[in-house]
Protein backbone atom coordinates (compact mmCIF):
# COMPACT_ATOMS: atom_id res chain seq x y z
CA UNK A 1 43.58 -108.52 46.91
CA UNK A 2 40.62 -110.60 48.29
CA UNK A 3 37.20 -109.26 47.86
CA UNK A 4 36.41 -109.91 51.61
CA UNK A 5 39.25 -107.54 52.49
CA UNK A 6 37.70 -104.63 50.46
CA UNK A 7 36.25 -101.74 52.34
CA UNK A 8 32.48 -101.35 52.54
CA UNK A 9 30.07 -98.68 53.57
CA UNK A 10 27.31 -99.20 56.06
CA UNK A 11 23.72 -99.04 55.23
CA UNK A 12 21.84 -95.93 54.03
CA UNK A 13 21.10 -93.04 56.37
CA UNK A 14 17.43 -92.99 55.48
CA UNK A 15 14.75 -95.35 54.21
CA UNK A 16 14.27 -95.48 50.28
CA UNK A 17 10.72 -94.19 50.76
CA UNK A 18 11.40 -91.02 52.69
CA UNK A 19 15.12 -90.39 52.81
CA UNK A 20 18.31 -90.23 50.64
CA UNK A 21 20.46 -93.43 50.23
CA UNK A 22 24.13 -93.65 49.27
CA UNK A 23 25.31 -95.29 46.11
CA UNK A 24 27.87 -97.97 47.18
CA UNK A 25 29.12 -98.40 43.65
CA UNK A 26 30.70 -94.94 43.47
CA UNK A 27 34.08 -94.48 45.11
CA UNK A 28 33.15 -90.80 45.49
CA UNK A 29 29.59 -90.49 46.05
CA UNK A 30 27.82 -87.49 44.54
CA UNK A 31 26.86 -85.96 47.80
CA UNK A 32 27.90 -83.51 50.25
CA UNK A 33 29.23 -84.98 53.47
CA UNK A 34 28.22 -81.85 55.30
CA UNK A 35 24.70 -81.86 53.95
CA UNK A 36 23.11 -83.27 57.02
CA UNK A 37 25.05 -80.91 59.33
CA UNK A 38 24.08 -77.99 57.21
CA UNK A 39 20.35 -79.09 57.42
CA UNK A 40 20.54 -79.40 61.28
CA UNK A 41 22.34 -75.91 61.54
CA UNK A 42 19.52 -74.44 59.29
CA UNK A 43 16.96 -76.11 61.56
CA UNK A 44 18.59 -74.76 64.62
CA UNK A 45 18.61 -71.21 63.02
CA UNK A 46 14.84 -71.70 62.39
CA UNK A 47 14.22 -72.36 66.01
CA UNK A 48 16.49 -69.64 67.06
CA UNK A 49 14.64 -67.10 64.94
CA UNK A 50 11.36 -68.53 66.22
CA UNK A 51 12.43 -67.93 69.69
CA UNK A 52 13.76 -64.62 68.89
CA UNK A 53 10.35 -63.50 67.50
CA UNK A 54 8.84 -64.56 70.79
CA UNK A 55 11.30 -62.40 72.56
CA UNK A 56 10.31 -59.47 70.42
CA UNK A 57 6.68 -60.18 71.05
CA UNK A 58 7.07 -60.15 74.76
CA UNK A 59 9.03 -56.98 74.66
CA UNK A 60 6.54 -55.31 72.35
CA UNK A 61 3.77 -56.46 74.91
CA UNK A 62 5.82 -54.89 77.64
CA UNK A 63 6.28 -51.67 75.84
CA UNK A 64 2.61 -51.73 74.83
CA UNK A 65 1.60 -52.01 78.48
CA UNK A 66 3.69 -49.13 79.51
CA UNK A 67 2.43 -47.04 76.62
CA UNK A 68 -1.20 -48.01 77.87
CA UNK A 69 -0.18 -47.00 81.34
CA UNK A 70 0.94 -43.62 80.12
CA UNK A 71 -2.07 -43.15 77.74
CA UNK A 72 -4.29 -43.78 80.78
CA UNK A 73 -2.31 -41.27 82.79
CA UNK A 74 -3.55 -38.86 80.07
CA UNK A 75 -7.08 -40.09 80.52
CA UNK A 76 -6.86 -39.45 84.18
CA UNK A 77 -5.98 -35.74 83.51
CA UNK A 78 -9.29 -35.25 81.59
CA UNK A 79 -11.24 -35.69 84.64
CA UNK A 80 -8.69 -34.74 87.27
CA UNK A 81 -9.94 -31.15 87.57
CA UNK A 82 -13.05 -30.36 89.45
CA UNK A 83 -16.10 -30.15 87.56
CA UNK A 84 -17.03 -26.91 85.80
CA UNK A 85 -20.07 -25.35 86.86
CA UNK A 86 -20.17 -27.86 89.66
CA UNK A 87 -23.09 -25.94 91.30
CA UNK A 88 -25.30 -27.53 88.77
CA UNK A 89 -24.56 -31.00 90.30
CA UNK A 90 -25.68 -32.27 93.74
CA UNK A 91 -22.63 -32.76 95.86
CA UNK A 92 -24.23 -35.41 98.03
CA UNK A 93 -23.44 -39.07 97.81
CA UNK A 94 -25.28 -40.76 94.99
CA UNK A 95 -25.04 -38.08 92.27
CA UNK A 96 -22.80 -37.19 89.43
CA UNK A 97 -20.10 -35.66 91.55
CA UNK A 98 -19.52 -38.99 93.24
CA UNK A 99 -19.36 -40.71 90.00
CA UNK A 100 -16.64 -38.44 88.79
CA UNK A 101 -14.52 -39.18 91.91
CA UNK A 102 -15.05 -42.98 91.29
CA UNK A 103 -14.00 -42.43 87.61
CA UNK A 104 -10.70 -40.67 88.64
CA UNK A 105 -9.67 -43.31 91.19
CA UNK A 106 -10.45 -46.43 88.94
CA UNK A 107 -8.98 -45.02 85.88
CA UNK A 108 -5.71 -44.31 87.78
CA UNK A 109 -5.84 -47.85 89.03
CA UNK A 110 -6.14 -49.10 85.41
CA UNK A 111 -3.11 -47.16 84.51
CA UNK A 112 -1.11 -48.68 87.49
CA UNK A 113 -2.15 -52.22 86.49
CA UNK A 114 -0.67 -51.61 83.04
CA UNK A 115 2.72 -50.56 84.43
CA UNK A 116 2.66 -53.39 86.82
CA UNK A 117 1.92 -55.80 84.01
CA UNK A 118 4.78 -54.50 82.04
CA UNK A 119 7.14 -55.27 84.89
CA UNK A 120 5.88 -58.79 85.19
CA UNK A 121 6.49 -59.44 81.59
CA UNK A 122 10.08 -58.22 81.70
CA UNK A 123 11.00 -59.83 84.97
CA UNK A 124 9.14 -63.30 84.61
CA UNK A 125 8.16 -64.17 81.01
CA UNK A 126 10.89 -62.78 78.95
CA UNK A 127 13.64 -64.46 80.61
CA UNK A 128 11.95 -67.77 79.65
CA UNK A 129 12.61 -67.17 76.07
CA UNK A 130 15.88 -65.38 76.52
CA UNK A 131 17.17 -68.68 78.11
CA UNK A 132 15.79 -70.95 75.54
CA UNK A 133 17.44 -68.89 72.75
CA UNK A 134 20.70 -69.29 74.52
CA UNK A 135 20.27 -73.10 74.68
CA UNK A 136 19.62 -73.16 70.94
CA UNK A 137 22.86 -71.10 70.24
CA UNK A 138 24.83 -73.70 72.52
CA UNK A 139 23.32 -76.55 70.60
CA UNK A 140 24.39 -75.00 67.27
CA UNK A 141 28.00 -74.78 68.55
CA UNK A 142 27.87 -78.31 69.77
CA UNK A 143 26.78 -79.33 66.31
CA UNK A 144 29.60 -77.33 64.63
CA UNK A 145 32.22 -78.83 66.94
CA UNK A 146 31.20 -82.27 66.82
CA UNK A 147 29.34 -83.45 63.65
CA UNK A 148 30.79 -80.60 61.67
CA UNK A 149 34.49 -81.78 62.25
CA UNK A 150 33.60 -85.50 61.09
CA UNK A 151 31.93 -83.97 57.93
CA UNK A 152 35.24 -82.12 57.09
CA UNK A 153 37.23 -85.26 57.63
CA UNK A 154 34.93 -87.11 55.21
CA UNK A 155 35.47 -84.35 52.65
CA UNK A 156 39.26 -84.37 53.10
CA UNK A 157 39.49 -88.21 52.69
CA UNK A 158 37.24 -88.01 49.67
CA UNK A 159 39.54 -85.42 48.10
CA UNK A 160 42.68 -87.63 48.60
CA UNK A 161 40.96 -90.70 47.20
CA UNK A 162 39.87 -88.56 44.17
CA UNK A 163 43.33 -87.43 43.39
CA UNK A 164 44.63 -90.88 43.41
CA UNK A 165 41.85 -92.12 41.16
CA UNK A 166 42.59 -89.36 38.56
CA UNK A 167 46.31 -90.29 38.86
CA UNK A 168 45.45 -93.93 38.12
CA UNK A 169 43.40 -92.76 35.10
CA UNK A 170 46.35 -90.78 33.77
CA UNK A 171 48.90 -93.70 34.15
CA UNK A 172 46.64 -96.21 32.58
CA UNK A 173 46.09 -94.08 29.47
CA UNK A 174 49.93 -93.69 29.32
CA UNK A 175 50.31 -97.31 29.68
CA UNK A 176 48.35 -98.10 26.55
CA UNK A 177 50.12 -95.39 24.65
CA UNK A 178 53.59 -96.40 25.73
CA UNK A 179 53.31 -100.07 25.38
CA UNK A 180 53.37 -100.48 29.17
CA UNK A 181 56.57 -98.49 29.79
CA UNK A 182 56.17 -96.66 33.12
CA UNK A 183 58.24 -96.22 36.44
CA UNK A 184 57.72 -98.27 39.66
CA UNK A 185 55.90 -95.22 41.53
CA UNK A 186 53.43 -94.84 38.88
CA UNK A 187 52.84 -98.53 38.10
CA UNK A 188 48.88 -98.74 37.86
CA UNK A 189 48.96 -101.89 40.13
CA UNK A 190 50.61 -99.87 42.96
CA UNK A 191 48.21 -96.97 42.15
CA UNK A 192 45.32 -99.26 42.44
CA UNK A 193 46.22 -100.65 45.76
CA UNK A 194 47.00 -97.18 47.00
CA UNK A 195 43.39 -96.28 46.17
CA UNK A 196 42.12 -99.16 48.05
CA UNK A 197 44.14 -97.99 51.07
CA UNK A 198 42.69 -94.49 50.86
CA UNK A 199 39.22 -95.60 50.00
CA UNK A 200 39.17 -97.61 53.18
CA UNK A 201 40.23 -94.70 55.18
CA UNK A 202 37.47 -92.56 53.34
CA UNK A 203 34.74 -95.17 54.04
CA UNK A 204 35.78 -95.21 57.74
CA UNK A 205 35.45 -91.51 57.87
CA UNK A 206 32.07 -91.79 56.11
CA UNK A 207 30.62 -94.46 58.53
CA UNK A 208 31.81 -92.47 61.51
CA UNK A 209 30.25 -89.35 60.29
CA UNK A 210 27.12 -91.47 59.71
CA UNK A 211 27.02 -92.50 63.26
CA UNK A 212 27.52 -89.08 64.45
CA UNK A 213 24.71 -87.73 62.29
CA UNK A 214 22.45 -90.54 63.54
CA UNK A 215 23.23 -89.74 67.14
CA UNK A 216 22.66 -85.92 66.33
CA UNK A 217 19.38 -86.68 64.49
CA UNK A 218 18.17 -88.83 67.48
CA UNK A 219 19.06 -86.06 69.89
CA UNK A 220 17.23 -83.35 67.90
CA UNK A 221 13.98 -85.01 68.40
CA UNK A 222 14.22 -84.81 72.18
CA UNK A 223 15.70 -81.34 72.06
CA UNK A 224 12.88 -80.03 69.84
CA UNK A 225 10.25 -81.50 72.29
CA UNK A 226 12.23 -79.42 74.99
CA UNK A 227 12.06 -76.28 73.00
CA UNK A 228 8.27 -76.56 72.44
CA UNK A 229 7.64 -77.42 75.90
CA UNK A 230 9.50 -74.22 77.01
CA UNK A 231 7.65 -72.18 74.53
CA UNK A 232 4.36 -73.57 75.80
CA UNK A 233 5.33 -72.61 79.55
CA UNK A 234 6.43 -69.24 78.52
CA UNK A 235 3.13 -68.57 76.71
CA UNK A 236 1.08 -70.10 79.58
CA UNK A 237 2.86 -67.41 81.87
CA UNK A 238 2.11 -64.68 79.40
CA UNK A 239 -1.68 -65.60 79.34
CA UNK A 240 -1.93 -65.71 82.99
CA UNK A 241 -0.33 -62.18 83.37
CA UNK A 242 -2.52 -60.70 80.85
CA UNK A 243 -5.65 -62.37 82.08
CA UNK A 244 -4.92 -61.00 85.53
CA UNK A 245 -4.48 -57.45 84.12
CA UNK A 246 -7.60 -57.80 82.03
CA UNK A 247 -9.76 -59.14 84.88
CA UNK A 248 -8.47 -56.36 87.09
CA UNK A 249 -9.33 -53.77 84.61
CA UNK A 250 -12.75 -55.41 83.85
CA UNK A 251 -13.48 -55.18 87.63
CA UNK A 252 -12.50 -51.46 87.75
CA UNK A 253 -14.65 -50.69 84.94
CA UNK A 254 -17.64 -52.59 86.35
CA UNK A 255 -17.17 -50.79 89.52
CA UNK A 256 -17.44 -47.25 87.72
CA UNK A 257 -20.60 -48.62 85.82
CA UNK A 258 -22.24 -49.81 89.07
CA UNK A 259 -21.74 -46.20 90.62
CA UNK A 260 -23.34 -44.79 87.60
CA UNK A 261 -26.27 -47.07 87.44
CA UNK A 262 -26.93 -46.40 91.17
CA UNK A 263 -27.72 -42.73 90.37
CA UNK A 264 -31.58 -42.44 90.22
CA UNK A 265 -32.86 -40.82 86.91
CA UNK A 266 -34.40 -37.88 88.61
CA UNK A 267 -31.81 -37.24 91.53
CA UNK A 268 -29.85 -34.50 89.74
CA UNK A 269 -33.00 -33.03 87.95
CA UNK A 270 -35.02 -32.92 91.05
CA UNK A 271 -32.07 -30.95 92.81
CA UNK A 272 -31.64 -28.80 89.83
CA UNK A 273 -35.28 -27.80 89.69
CA UNK A 274 -35.17 -26.99 93.42
CA UNK A 275 -32.18 -24.69 93.02
CA UNK A 276 -33.43 -22.96 89.99
CA UNK A 277 -37.30 -22.85 90.37
CA UNK A 278 -37.42 -19.15 89.82
CA UNK A 279 -35.61 -19.26 86.47
CA UNK A 280 -37.10 -22.29 84.75
CA UNK A 281 -39.58 -21.80 81.79
CA UNK A 282 -43.16 -22.35 82.31
CA UNK A 283 -44.11 -25.61 80.22
CA UNK A 284 -47.76 -24.15 79.82
CA UNK A 285 -46.50 -21.12 77.83
CA UNK A 286 -47.79 -21.10 74.30
CA UNK A 287 -45.48 -21.49 71.25
CA UNK A 288 -44.64 -18.49 69.02
CA UNK A 289 -46.20 -18.01 65.61
CA UNK A 290 -44.63 -16.03 62.78
CA UNK A 291 -47.99 -14.66 61.63
CA UNK A 292 -48.42 -13.08 65.04
CA UNK A 293 -44.89 -11.34 65.01
CA UNK A 294 -44.47 -7.78 63.80
CA UNK A 295 -41.27 -5.97 62.96
CA UNK A 296 -40.29 -2.35 62.19
CA UNK A 297 -41.51 -1.20 58.56
CA UNK A 298 -43.49 -4.48 58.10
CA UNK A 299 -46.32 -2.55 56.35
CA UNK A 300 -44.07 0.15 54.59
CA UNK A 301 -45.65 1.06 51.16
CA UNK A 302 -42.27 0.05 49.65
CA UNK A 303 -42.86 -3.48 50.73
CA UNK A 304 -46.21 -3.97 48.98
CA UNK A 305 -46.28 -4.91 45.32
CA UNK A 306 -47.96 -2.99 42.62
CA UNK A 307 -49.07 -6.22 41.21
CA UNK A 308 -48.34 -9.92 41.84
CA UNK A 309 -49.46 -13.31 40.57
CA UNK A 310 -48.73 -16.08 38.25
CA UNK A 311 -47.90 -15.40 34.62
CA UNK A 312 -46.45 -17.77 31.86
CA UNK A 313 -43.22 -16.94 30.24
CA UNK A 314 -42.20 -18.37 26.81
CA UNK A 315 -38.93 -20.27 26.86
CA UNK A 316 -36.23 -19.43 24.40
CA UNK A 317 -35.08 -22.89 23.64
CA UNK A 318 -38.19 -25.17 23.86
CA UNK A 319 -40.50 -22.36 22.87
CA UNK A 320 -43.07 -23.48 25.53
CA UNK A 321 -44.73 -21.34 28.12
CA UNK A 322 -43.83 -22.07 31.74
CA UNK A 323 -45.56 -20.84 34.75
CA UNK A 324 -43.93 -18.36 37.40
CA UNK A 325 -44.81 -16.14 40.02
CA UNK A 326 -44.12 -12.58 39.10
CA UNK A 327 -44.15 -9.32 40.99
CA UNK A 328 -43.98 -5.58 40.06
CA UNK A 329 -42.49 -3.85 43.22
CA UNK A 330 -42.88 -0.21 44.22
CA UNK A 331 -39.12 0.09 43.05
CA UNK A 332 -40.23 -0.69 39.61
CA UNK A 333 -38.66 -4.02 39.29
CA UNK A 334 -40.20 -7.05 37.69
CA UNK A 335 -39.19 -9.90 39.74
CA UNK A 336 -39.62 -13.52 38.71
CA UNK A 337 -39.82 -16.37 41.31
CA UNK A 338 -40.42 -20.04 41.45
CA UNK A 339 -43.28 -19.89 43.92
CA UNK A 340 -44.80 -17.23 46.31
CA UNK A 341 -43.86 -19.21 49.32
CA UNK A 342 -41.47 -17.37 51.73
CA UNK A 343 -40.93 -20.06 54.16
CA UNK A 344 -39.82 -23.27 52.26
CA UNK A 345 -36.81 -21.44 50.51
CA UNK A 346 -35.27 -18.07 50.50
CA UNK A 347 -37.27 -16.05 48.02
CA UNK A 348 -34.41 -14.95 45.68
CA UNK A 349 -35.63 -13.81 42.27
CA UNK A 350 -34.80 -15.95 39.35
CA UNK A 351 -34.74 -12.86 37.08
CA UNK A 352 -35.22 -9.17 37.88
CA UNK A 353 -35.94 -6.59 35.15
CA UNK A 354 -35.50 -2.81 36.05
CA UNK A 355 -38.64 -1.55 34.13
CA UNK A 356 -37.52 1.95 33.62
CA UNK A 357 -34.54 0.58 31.55
CA UNK A 358 -36.85 -2.00 29.58
CA UNK A 359 -39.16 -1.64 26.66
CA UNK A 360 -42.58 -3.09 26.66
CA UNK A 361 -44.37 -4.15 23.45
CA UNK A 362 -48.05 -3.95 22.57
CA UNK A 363 -50.69 -6.04 24.12
CA UNK A 364 -52.04 -8.79 22.00
CA UNK A 365 -54.98 -10.42 23.67
CA UNK A 366 -53.33 -12.20 26.63
CA UNK A 367 -49.75 -11.87 25.39
CA UNK A 368 -47.12 -9.05 25.72
CA UNK A 369 -43.25 -8.67 25.43
CA UNK A 370 -40.83 -6.98 27.71
CA UNK A 371 -37.15 -6.32 26.61
CA UNK A 372 -34.40 -5.64 29.10
CA UNK A 373 -31.51 -6.88 31.18
CA UNK A 374 -31.68 -9.31 34.22
CA UNK A 375 -30.25 -7.20 36.94
CA UNK A 376 -30.63 -10.02 39.64
CA UNK A 377 -26.82 -10.95 39.68
CA UNK A 378 -25.75 -7.57 41.06
CA UNK A 379 -23.75 -4.73 39.59
CA UNK A 380 -20.83 -6.78 38.15
CA UNK A 381 -23.21 -9.36 36.59
CA UNK A 382 -25.30 -6.59 35.00
CA UNK A 383 -22.22 -5.45 33.04
CA UNK A 384 -21.99 -8.69 31.33
CA UNK A 385 -25.81 -9.43 31.16
CA UNK A 386 -27.40 -9.26 27.72
CA UNK A 387 -30.76 -7.87 26.58
CA UNK A 388 -33.60 -10.37 26.69
CA UNK A 389 -36.90 -10.33 24.95
CA UNK A 390 -39.35 -12.00 27.38
CA UNK A 391 -42.75 -13.04 26.13
CA UNK A 392 -45.46 -13.20 28.86
CA UNK A 393 -48.91 -14.70 28.68
CA UNK A 394 -51.68 -14.07 31.17
CA UNK A 395 -54.43 -16.51 32.08
CA UNK A 396 -57.09 -14.14 30.78
CA UNK A 397 -57.25 -11.01 28.70
CA UNK A 398 -58.34 -8.95 31.70
CA UNK A 399 -55.32 -10.23 33.70
CA UNK A 400 -53.08 -9.38 30.88
CA UNK A 401 -54.36 -5.70 30.44
CA UNK A 402 -53.80 -5.31 34.25
CA UNK A 403 -50.36 -6.45 33.98
CA UNK A 404 -49.51 -4.66 30.73
CA UNK A 405 -50.82 -1.31 32.13
CA UNK A 406 -48.77 -1.26 35.20
CA UNK A 407 -45.55 -2.46 33.52
CA UNK A 408 -46.20 0.09 30.64
CA UNK A 409 -46.39 2.89 33.34
CA UNK A 410 -43.01 1.81 34.82
CA UNK A 411 -41.34 0.94 31.50
CA UNK A 412 -38.80 3.38 30.00
CA UNK A 413 -39.96 2.58 26.47
CA UNK A 414 -43.25 1.43 24.75
CA UNK A 415 -42.99 -0.12 21.32
CA UNK A 416 -45.58 -1.43 18.79
CA UNK A 417 -43.98 -4.87 18.62
CA UNK A 418 -46.24 -7.70 19.10
CA UNK A 419 -45.60 -11.35 20.39
CA UNK A 420 -45.05 -14.20 18.02
CA UNK A 421 -48.15 -15.50 16.19
CA UNK A 422 -47.01 -19.23 16.83
CA UNK A 423 -48.80 -20.59 19.64
CA UNK A 424 -46.67 -23.38 21.38
CA UNK A 425 -48.00 -25.62 24.03
CA UNK A 426 -48.73 -24.03 27.32
CA UNK A 427 -49.13 -25.75 30.74
CA UNK A 428 -52.40 -23.98 30.93
CA UNK A 429 -53.76 -25.29 27.73
CA UNK A 430 -54.87 -28.88 27.57
CA UNK A 431 -54.76 -29.50 31.33
CA UNK A 432 -54.82 -28.32 34.76
CA UNK A 433 -53.48 -24.71 35.13
CA UNK A 434 -50.56 -24.50 37.55
CA UNK A 435 -50.74 -21.63 40.04
CA UNK A 436 -53.49 -19.13 40.89
CA UNK A 437 -54.54 -16.04 38.87
CA UNK A 438 -53.79 -12.31 39.05
CA UNK A 439 -53.82 -10.45 42.26
CA UNK A 440 -53.57 -6.71 42.19
CA UNK A 441 -52.63 -5.14 45.60
CA UNK A 442 -52.97 -1.51 46.55
CA UNK A 443 -52.14 -1.03 50.29
CA UNK A 444 -52.87 -4.32 51.99
CA UNK A 445 -50.81 -5.70 55.13
CA UNK A 446 -48.20 -8.18 54.70
CA UNK A 447 -50.51 -10.93 56.05
CA UNK A 448 -53.15 -9.89 53.47
CA UNK A 449 -50.63 -10.07 50.70
CA UNK A 450 -49.65 -13.56 51.58
CA UNK A 451 -53.14 -14.70 51.63
CA UNK A 452 -54.31 -13.15 48.43
CA UNK A 453 -51.51 -13.38 46.12
CA UNK A 454 -51.45 -16.56 44.06
CA UNK A 455 -48.86 -19.30 44.21
CA UNK A 456 -46.83 -20.03 41.14
CA UNK A 457 -47.17 -23.74 39.89
CA UNK A 458 -44.05 -26.03 39.46
CA UNK A 459 -42.50 -25.72 36.10
CA UNK A 460 -40.70 -29.11 36.09
CA UNK A 461 -37.35 -27.62 35.46
CA UNK A 462 -34.70 -27.31 38.15
CA UNK A 463 -33.17 -24.06 38.86
CA UNK A 464 -29.64 -25.26 37.85
CA UNK A 465 -30.93 -26.62 34.49
CA UNK A 466 -32.74 -23.24 33.96
CA UNK A 467 -29.63 -21.11 34.71
CA UNK A 468 -27.49 -23.36 32.29
CA UNK A 469 -30.03 -23.06 29.67
CA UNK A 470 -30.45 -19.19 29.96
CA UNK A 471 -26.53 -18.93 30.08
CA UNK A 472 -26.32 -20.65 26.72
CA UNK A 473 -29.02 -18.56 25.38
CA UNK A 474 -27.07 -15.25 26.48
CA UNK A 475 -23.90 -16.62 24.81
CA UNK A 476 -25.94 -17.39 21.53
CA UNK A 477 -27.51 -13.95 21.80
CA UNK A 478 -23.99 -12.28 22.24
CA UNK A 479 -22.66 -14.03 19.10
CA UNK A 480 -25.44 -12.90 16.92
CA UNK A 481 -25.45 -9.33 18.31
CA UNK A 482 -29.08 -9.40 19.21
CA UNK A 483 -30.73 -7.14 21.75
CA UNK A 484 -30.55 -3.38 22.19
CA UNK A 485 -30.83 -1.30 25.50
CA UNK A 486 -33.99 0.27 26.26
CA UNK A 487 -33.93 4.03 25.20
CA UNK A 488 -35.78 6.81 26.83
CA UNK A 489 -37.57 7.35 30.15
CA UNK A 490 -41.48 7.83 30.09
């Protein structure tokens, strides 16, 4: 057979730089004839899904507008009822009452505008994308019926050619092994010509499919331009509808704001003052002062301390003296406070010793000891409280004698124990003394007490740290079995 009569394929579908080319030397190209069709189908699917997203978006916008309308109906209900205590507001034009009437009307108008916008989105904007979705579906069907069939025809022709090529291979192998003995139907010469015949049909189908694909490829460009143009038109209408609704809502809110701004600052107040002139407070009346206030039992003898002032107490851990404010009350309690200030903080005792249950040691210059339980935590806390030996130090020997004498008269037991000889550092020694000295009070008034009692100085340790430290000391005392209860009453 002459070479000019052999079938030949047309040029490649795409340029060598950007698109795939066919191999003319292969009878059965290593390619899928329906690959281009599948690619276009996939692209149409992509456009269809994009259009579907836009449909969902418009539908969501519609639902949102309806939801906003319903929510604004709830907002209207918050101001739908008449103002409570409306007699406090001027009912004339230009006041708060008129403002609320305007607020009700404009809020209801905002709710209506959202419902109207939802109707426009559903009736005018959404159909644009719905129709476009249908067009893309129809385009997909056209591609499947047209180019899809030609791709199948190419695959079928290639299958037939491939079978004859394989048959030729089998008979040529048999020809060599049998010394050329074969039948007429399987003569390699006949089989070769049959391959050319079927290869010619195959290439014709391939070229027809190529022309179909080029036509589809060319049409896709204009179709996609149409799709984009339709999407743009739909979005233009969407923006117009939403802008109109937004402008309307802005106008309504601005009207409410204008109504509010037109109310004179003193309009309501002047009317209120005129209506309640006989009830309002005189602005020239003086302020109250706690020092000028009296209350029942303010000066009762049980409220006056037997002695009060600042003492130093030796710490259990650091063995340093720390200044505090101490009081012996008429109820025979020895109370410890951070300070004598009743106003800055609630005057709750840091420690409280019931002196009849305590034992007081001997006086040694400015120092003396007191043993007993802290009863400041209440009855339940007292049951678990351990005995403590508290070492006190006054600022002077005279102050110490006064404190020791009063505590001795109240204490349940007197011992001969003396304070430790060791002399740890004291806040008073080596520097400025914190707090005032002793103040013994017989029967002064509460005002006099606050003026004469000395304020305790700051110790530098927080209440939480101090409580944690003393709790640790209690636990250590419980383990060692230290401390005994005070014995007899004096």
